[in-house]
Amino acid sequence: MSAPARRPDAVQNRTRIIEAARAALAESHHVHLNEIAKRAGVGQGTLYRNFPNREALLAEVYRRDVEELVTAASALLAEHEPVEALRQWLDRLIDYAEIKYGVLAVLEPAAWQDLVDHSRNPIEGALGHLLDAGKAAGSIRTDVEAHGVLLLIAYLGRLDRDEWESTARPLMNVVLDGLRRQDADR
């Protein structure tokens, strides 16, 4: 037996809560539920009906971001050449990583480890899809795989919050330059 469909206003409230939590995490790791409810324009009762605790809300923010990141790979490839699609996807990955860092900073280790374990394969698959398209087009090196690229990118997690803006995107540009075939047009 499936759960009853949510009313449209309930779906909108849930979405606003998640977006407010995402925005709060982008600003600080110290996220308070009453602040999120205020930002979302809902009462605390509405927030707690949707998310019984902070961990449940932050886990949903994380899951949504992973889902959006994975879905974006195919959509970007449909609109752009492989290298440009990869560049835009890596840009989104930076935004995702910033939120991920905030989520993981406030969750218990067991909870965040479960989230990370469940997101690794879909993200690696989306990146692999982008790399394969670039390889097929002759614009991406053939000697790299998604797992190795993710290992390179994972180092972004070591950046301090105050150096994120000035450092993350330039480093991602270095990664992208390293992925391009040297004999391919830039």
C-alpha atoms as a PDB file:
ATOM      1  CA  MET A   1       0.000   0.000   0.000  1.00  0.00           C
ATOM      2  CA  SER A   2       1.521   3.323  -1.030  1.00  0.00           C
ATOM      3  CA  ALA A   3       1.440   6.553   0.914  1.00  0.00           C
ATOM      4  CA  PRO A   4      -1.287   9.029  -0.032  1.00  0.00           C
ATOM      5  CA  ALA A   5      -0.298  11.780  -2.452  1.00  0.00           C
ATOM      6  CA  ARG A   6       0.712  15.026  -0.832  1.00  0.00           C
ATOM      7  CA  ARG A   7      -1.321  18.157  -1.351  1.00  0.00           C
ATOM      8  CA  PRO A   8       0.346  20.659  -3.695  1.00  0.00           C
ATOM      9  CA  ASP A   9       0.833  23.181  -0.884  1.00  0.00           C
ATOM     10  CA  ALA A  10       2.468  20.496   1.279  1.00  0.00           C
ATOM     11  CA  VAL A  11       4.854  19.637  -1.566  1.00  0.00           C
ATOM     12  CA  GLN A  12       5.677  23.342  -1.970  1.00  0.00           C
ATOM     13  CA  ASN A  13       6.298  23.713   1.770  1.00  0.00           C
ATOM     14  CA  ARG A  14       8.650  20.724   1.757  1.00  0.00           C
ATOM     15  CA  THR A  15      10.536  22.124  -1.234  1.00  0.00           C
ATOM     16  CA  ARG A  16      10.825  25.561   0.401  1.00  0.00           C
ATOM     17  CA  ILE A  17      12.151  23.975   3.588  1.00  0.00           C
ATOM     18  CA  ILE A  18      14.815  22.043   1.666  1.00  0.00           C
ATOM     19  CA  GLU A  19      15.829  25.138  -0.316  1.00  0.00           C
ATOM     20  CA  ALA A  20      16.016  27.220   2.876  1.00  0.00           C
ATOM     21  CA  ALA A  21      18.191  24.570   4.514  1.00  0.00           C
ATOM     22  CA  ARG A  22      20.460  24.470   1.450  1.00  0.00           C
ATOM     23  CA  ALA A  23      20.842  28.270   1.550  1.00  0.00           C
ATOM     24  CA  ALA A  24      21.552  28.232   5.280  1.00  0.00           C
ATOM     25  CA  LEU A  25      24.208  25.547   4.819  1.00  0.00           C
ATOM     26  CA  ALA A  26      25.902  27.592   2.121  1.00  0.00           C
ATOM     27  CA  GLU A  27      26.300  30.391   4.657  1.00  0.00           C
ATOM     28  CA  SER A  28      27.218  28.473   7.797  1.00  0.00           C
ATOM     29  CA  HIS A  29      27.534  25.002   9.255  1.00  0.00           C
ATOM     30  CA  HIS A  30      25.562  26.176  12.299  1.00  0.00           C
ATOM     31  CA  VAL A  31      22.049  25.524  11.049  1.00  0.00           C
ATOM     32  CA  HIS A  32      19.089  25.951  13.380  1.00  0.00           C
ATOM     33  CA  LEU A  33      15.700  24.557  12.472  1.00  0.00           C
ATOM     34  CA  ASN A  34      13.770  27.622  13.651  1.00  0.00           C
ATOM     35  CA  GLU A  35      15.867  29.779  11.299  1.00  0.00           C
ATOM     36  CA  ILE A  36      15.153  27.400   8.417  1.00  0.00           C
ATOM     37  CA  ALA A  37      11.416  27.446   9.149  1.00  0.00           C
ATOM     38  CA  LYS A  38      11.489  31.249   9.122  1.00  0.00           C
ATOM     39  CA  ARG A  39      13.422  31.374   5.845  1.00  0.00           C
ATOM     40  CA  ALA A  40      10.997  28.899   4.283  1.00  0.00           C
ATOM     41  CA  GLY A  41       7.972  30.871   5.485  1.00  0.00           C
ATOM     42  CA  VAL A  42       6.524  27.925   7.392  1.00  0.00           C
ATOM     43  CA  GLY A  43       5.804  27.198  11.026  1.00  0.00           C
ATOM     44  CA  GLN A  44       7.922  24.868  13.095  1.00  0.00           C
ATOM     45  CA  GLY A  45       5.086  22.322  13.121  1.00  0.00           C
ATOM     46  CA  THR A  46       5.185  22.145   9.316  1.00  0.00           C
ATOM     47  CA  LEU A  47       8.938  21.725   9.384  1.00  0.00           C
ATOM     48  CA  TYR A  48       8.753  18.918  11.959  1.00  0.00           C
ATOM     49  CA  ARG A  49       5.922  17.148  10.095  1.00  0.00           C
ATOM     50  CA  ASN A  50       8.223  16.940   7.096  1.00  0.00           C
ATOM     51  CA  PHE A  51      11.489  16.374   8.948  1.00  0.00           C
ATOM     52  CA  PRO A  52      11.392  15.034  12.505  1.00  0.00           C
ATOM     53  CA  ASN A  53      14.920  16.268  13.247  1.00  0.00           C
ATOM     54  CA  ARG A  54      17.811  18.231  11.804  1.00  0.00           C
ATOM     55  CA  GLU A  55      19.590  15.108  10.571  1.00  0.00           C
ATOM     56  CA  ALA A  56      16.576  14.045   8.496  1.00  0.00           C
ATOM     57  CA  LEU A  57      16.373  17.479   6.871  1.00  0.00           C
ATOM     58  CA  LEU A  58      20.080  17.704   6.123  1.00  0.00           C
ATOM     59  CA  ALA A  59      20.140  14.164   4.748  1.00  0.00           C
ATOM     60  CA  GLU A  60      17.301  15.123   2.384  1.00  0.00           C
ATOM     61  CA  VAL A  61      19.229  18.219   1.227  1.00  0.00           C
ATOM     62  CA  TYR A  62      22.197  15.983   0.515  1.00  0.00           C
ATOM     63  CA  ARG A  63      20.112  13.367  -1.335  1.00  0.00           C
ATOM     64  CA  ARG A  64      18.380  16.013  -3.453  1.00  0.00           C
ATOM     65  CA  ASP A  65      21.687  17.579  -4.415  1.00  0.00           C
ATOM     66  CA  VAL A  66      23.071  14.191  -5.454  1.00  0.00           C
ATOM     67  CA  GLU A  67      19.948  13.485  -7.504  1.00  0.00           C
ATOM     68  CA  GLU A  68      20.145  16.872  -9.239  1.00  0.00           C
ATOM     69  CA  LEU A  69      23.858  16.454  -9.928  1.00  0.00           C
ATOM     70  CA  VAL A  70      23.387  12.991 -11.426  1.00  0.00           C
ATOM     71  CA  THR A  71      20.415  14.085 -13.562  1.00  0.00           C
ATOM     72  CA  ALA A  72      22.317  17.121 -14.820  1.00  0.00           C
ATOM     73  CA  ALA A  73      24.942  15.016 -16.645  1.00  0.00           C
ATOM     74  CA  SER A  74      22.584  13.785 -19.378  1.00  0.00           C
ATOM     75  CA  ALA A  75      20.780  17.108 -19.636  1.00  0.00           C
ATOM     76  CA  LEU A  76      24.053  18.986 -20.108  1.00  0.00           C
ATOM     77  CA  LEU A  77      25.244  16.525 -22.741  1.00  0.00           C
ATOM     78  CA  ALA A  78      21.994  17.028 -24.639  1.00  0.00           C
ATOM     79  CA  GLU A  79      22.648  20.785 -24.792  1.00  0.00           C
ATOM     80  CA  HIS A  80      26.452  21.083 -25.068  1.00  0.00           C
ATOM     81  CA  GLU A  81      29.559  19.542 -26.524  1.00  0.00           C
ATOM     82  CA  PRO A  82      31.127  17.032 -24.103  1.00  0.00           C
ATOM     83  CA  VAL A  83      33.906  19.270 -22.720  1.00  0.00           C
ATOM     84  CA  GLU A  84      31.506  22.168 -22.105  1.00  0.00           C
ATOM     85  CA  ALA A  85      28.973  19.774 -20.537  1.00  0.00           C
ATOM     86  CA  LEU A  86      31.738  18.423 -18.293  1.00  0.00           C
ATOM     87  CA  ARG A  87      32.856  21.946 -17.369  1.00  0.00           C
ATOM     88  CA  GLN A  88      29.323  22.945 -16.377  1.00  0.00           C
ATOM     89  CA  TRP A  89      28.828  19.696 -14.471  1.00  0.00           C
ATOM     90  CA  LEU A  90      32.089  20.213 -12.572  1.00  0.00           C
ATOM     91  CA  ASP A  91      30.893  23.722 -11.730  1.00  0.00           C
ATOM     92  CA  ARG A  92      27.746  22.197 -10.244  1.00  0.00           C
ATOM     93  CA  LEU A  93      29.885  19.645  -8.442  1.00  0.00           C
ATOM     94  CA  ILE A  94      31.690  22.492  -6.687  1.00  0.00           C
ATOM     95  CA  ASP A  95      28.370  23.896  -5.485  1.00  0.00           C
ATOM     96  CA  TYR A  96      27.313  20.416  -4.380  1.00  0.00           C
ATOM     97  CA  ALA A  97      30.615  19.873  -2.564  1.00  0.00           C
ATOM     98  CA  GLU A  98      30.205  23.107  -0.628  1.00  0.00           C
ATOM     99  CA  ILE A  99      26.767  22.034   0.592  1.00  0.00           C
ATOM    100  CA  LYS A 100      27.993  18.477   1.192  1.00  0.00           C
ATOM    101  CA  TYR A 101      30.771  19.828   3.375  1.00  0.00           C
ATOM    102  CA  GLY A 102      28.195  21.727   5.437  1.00  0.00           C
ATOM    103  CA  VAL A 103      25.892  18.730   5.765  1.00  0.00           C
ATOM    104  CA  LEU A 104      28.659  16.356   6.772  1.00  0.00           C
ATOM    105  CA  ALA A 105      29.997  18.860   9.312  1.00  0.00           C
ATOM    106  CA  VAL A 106      26.782  18.705  11.328  1.00  0.00           C
ATOM    107  CA  LEU A 107      25.773  15.040  10.978  1.00  0.00           C
ATOM    108  CA  GLU A 108      26.901  12.162  13.137  1.00  0.00           C
ATOM    109  CA  PRO A 109      29.663  10.091  11.475  1.00  0.00           C
ATOM    110  CA  ALA A 110      27.457   7.007  10.983  1.00  0.00           C
ATOM    111  CA  ALA A 111      24.733   9.057   9.271  1.00  0.00           C
ATOM    112  CA  TRP A 112      27.084  10.889   6.920  1.00  0.00           C
ATOM    113  CA  GLN A 113      28.996   7.742   6.046  1.00  0.00           C
ATOM    114  CA  ASP A 114      25.743   6.133   4.930  1.00  0.00           C
ATOM    115  CA  LEU A 115      24.913   9.174   2.769  1.00  0.00           C
ATOM    116  CA  VAL A 116      28.377   9.218   1.196  1.00  0.00           C
ATOM    117  CA  ASP A 117      28.257   5.477   0.484  1.00  0.00           C
ATOM    118  CA  HIS A 118      24.895   5.803  -1.275  1.00  0.00           C
ATOM    119  CA  SER A 119      25.940   8.813  -3.367  1.00  0.00           C
ATOM    120  CA  ARG A 120      29.329   7.596  -4.580  1.00  0.00           C
ATOM    121  CA  ASN A 121      28.120   5.227  -7.322  1.00  0.00           C
ATOM    122  CA  PRO A 122      25.504   7.549  -8.875  1.00  0.00           C
ATOM    123  CA  ILE A 123      27.950  10.471  -8.966  1.00  0.00           C
ATOM    124  CA  GLU A 124      30.716   8.285 -10.373  1.00  0.00           C
ATOM    125  CA  GLY A 125      28.269   6.988 -12.988  1.00  0.00           C
ATOM    126  CA  ALA A 126      27.242  10.513 -14.039  1.00  0.00           C
ATOM    127  CA  LEU A 127      30.869  11.602 -14.312  1.00  0.00           C
ATOM    128  CA  GLY A 128      31.669   8.446 -16.268  1.00  0.00           C
ATOM    129  CA  HIS A 129      28.856   9.266 -18.687  1.00  0.00           C
ATOM    130  CA  LEU A 130      30.345  12.732 -19.290  1.00  0.00           C
ATOM    131  CA  LEU A 131      33.880  11.378 -19.675  1.00  0.00           C
ATOM    132  CA  ASP A 132      32.745   8.653 -22.080  1.00  0.00           C
ATOM    133  CA  ALA A 133      30.988  11.245 -24.261  1.00  0.00           C
ATOM    134  CA  GLY A 134      34.168  13.339 -24.331  1.00  0.00           C
ATOM    135  CA  LYS A 135      36.305  10.303 -25.150  1.00  0.00           C
ATOM    136  CA  ALA A 136      33.953   9.348 -27.979  1.00  0.00           C
ATOM    137  CA  ALA A 137      34.138  12.907 -29.329  1.00  0.00           C
ATOM    138  CA  GLY A 138      37.939  12.870 -29.078  1.00  0.00           C
ATOM    139  CA  SER A 139      38.112  15.787 -26.650  1.00  0.00           C
ATOM    140  CA  ILE A 140      38.812  13.918 -23.379  1.00  0.00           C
ATOM    141  CA  ARG A 141      41.838  11.755 -22.616  1.00  0.00           C
ATOM    142  CA  THR A 142      41.189   8.049 -22.911  1.00  0.00           C
ATOM    143  CA  ASP A 143      43.439   7.072 -20.008  1.00  0.00           C
ATOM    144  CA  VAL A 144      41.237   8.489 -17.224  1.00  0.00           C
ATOM    145  CA  GLU A 145      38.257   6.980 -15.466  1.00  0.00           C
ATOM    146  CA  ALA A 146      35.582   8.538 -13.280  1.00  0.00           C
ATOM    147  CA  HIS A 147      36.905   6.974 -10.070  1.00  0.00           C
ATOM    148  CA  GLY A 148      40.333   8.540 -10.530  1.00  0.00           C
ATOM    149  CA  VAL A 149      38.855  11.950 -11.339  1.00  0.00           C
ATOM    150  CA  LEU A 150      36.709  11.791  -8.205  1.00  0.00           C
ATOM    151  CA  LEU A 151      39.806  11.023  -6.159  1.00  0.00           C
ATOM    152  CA  LEU A 152      41.411  14.201  -7.515  1.00  0.00           C
ATOM    153  CA  ILE A 153      38.303  16.257  -6.842  1.00  0.00           C
ATOM    154  CA  ALA A 154      37.875  14.855  -3.321  1.00  0.00           C
ATOM    155  CA  TYR A 155      40.778  16.977  -2.187  1.00  0.00           C
ATOM    156  CA  LEU A 156      38.467  19.989  -2.379  1.00  0.00           C
ATOM    157  CA  GLY A 157      37.039  18.746   0.916  1.00  0.00           C
ATOM    158  CA  ARG A 158      40.256  19.854   2.572  1.00  0.00           C
ATOM    159  CA  LEU A 159      39.729  23.502   1.690  1.00  0.00           C
ATOM    160  CA  ASP A 160      38.833  25.810   4.542  1.00  0.00           C
ATOM    161  CA  ARG A 161      35.500  27.551   4.164  1.00  0.00           C
ATOM    162  CA  ASP A 162      37.161  30.978   3.825  1.00  0.00           C
ATOM    163  CA  GLU A 163      39.279  29.836   0.861  1.00  0.00           C
ATOM    164  CA  TRP A 164      36.498  27.957  -0.941  1.00  0.00           C
ATOM    165  CA  GLU A 165      35.385  30.766  -3.287  1.00  0.00           C
ATOM    166  CA  SER A 166      38.882  31.787  -4.311  1.00  0.00           C
ATOM    167  CA  THR A 167      40.328  28.293  -4.693  1.00  0.00           C
ATOM    168  CA  ALA A 168      37.725  25.644  -5.628  1.00  0.00           C
ATOM    169  CA  ARG A 169      36.875  26.819  -9.156  1.00  0.00           C
ATOM    170  CA  PRO A 170      40.466  27.549 -10.218  1.00  0.00           C
ATOM    171  CA  LEU A 171      41.497  24.071  -9.034  1.00  0.00           C
ATOM    172  CA  MET A 172      38.584  22.524 -10.915  1.00  0.00           C
ATOM    173  CA  ASN A 173      39.786  24.333 -14.050  1.00  0.00           C
ATOM    174  CA  VAL A 174      43.173  22.657 -13.585  1.00  0.00           C
ATOM    175  CA  VAL A 175      41.424  19.276 -13.352  1.00  0.00           C
ATOM    176  CA  LEU A 176      39.410  20.006 -16.501  1.00  0.00           C
ATOM    177  CA  ASP A 177      42.527  21.105 -18.394  1.00  0.00           C
ATOM    178  CA  GLY A 178      44.200  17.860 -17.348  1.00  0.00           C
ATOM    179  CA  LEU A 179      41.255  15.830 -18.665  1.00  0.00           C
ATOM    180  CA  ARG A 180      41.369  17.344 -22.129  1.00  0.00           C
ATOM    181  CA  ARG A 181      43.275  15.582 -24.855  1.00  0.00           C
ATOM    182  CA  GLN A 182      46.396  17.570 -25.560  1.00  0.00           C
ATOM    183  CA  ASP A 183      45.871  17.399 -29.328  1.00  0.00           C
ATOM    184  CA  ALA A 184      42.155  18.382 -29.105  1.00  0.00           C
ATOM    185  CA  ASP A 185      41.024  21.914 -29.920  1.00  0.00           C
ATOM    186  CA  ARG A 186      40.378  24.015 -26.859  1.00  0.00           C
END
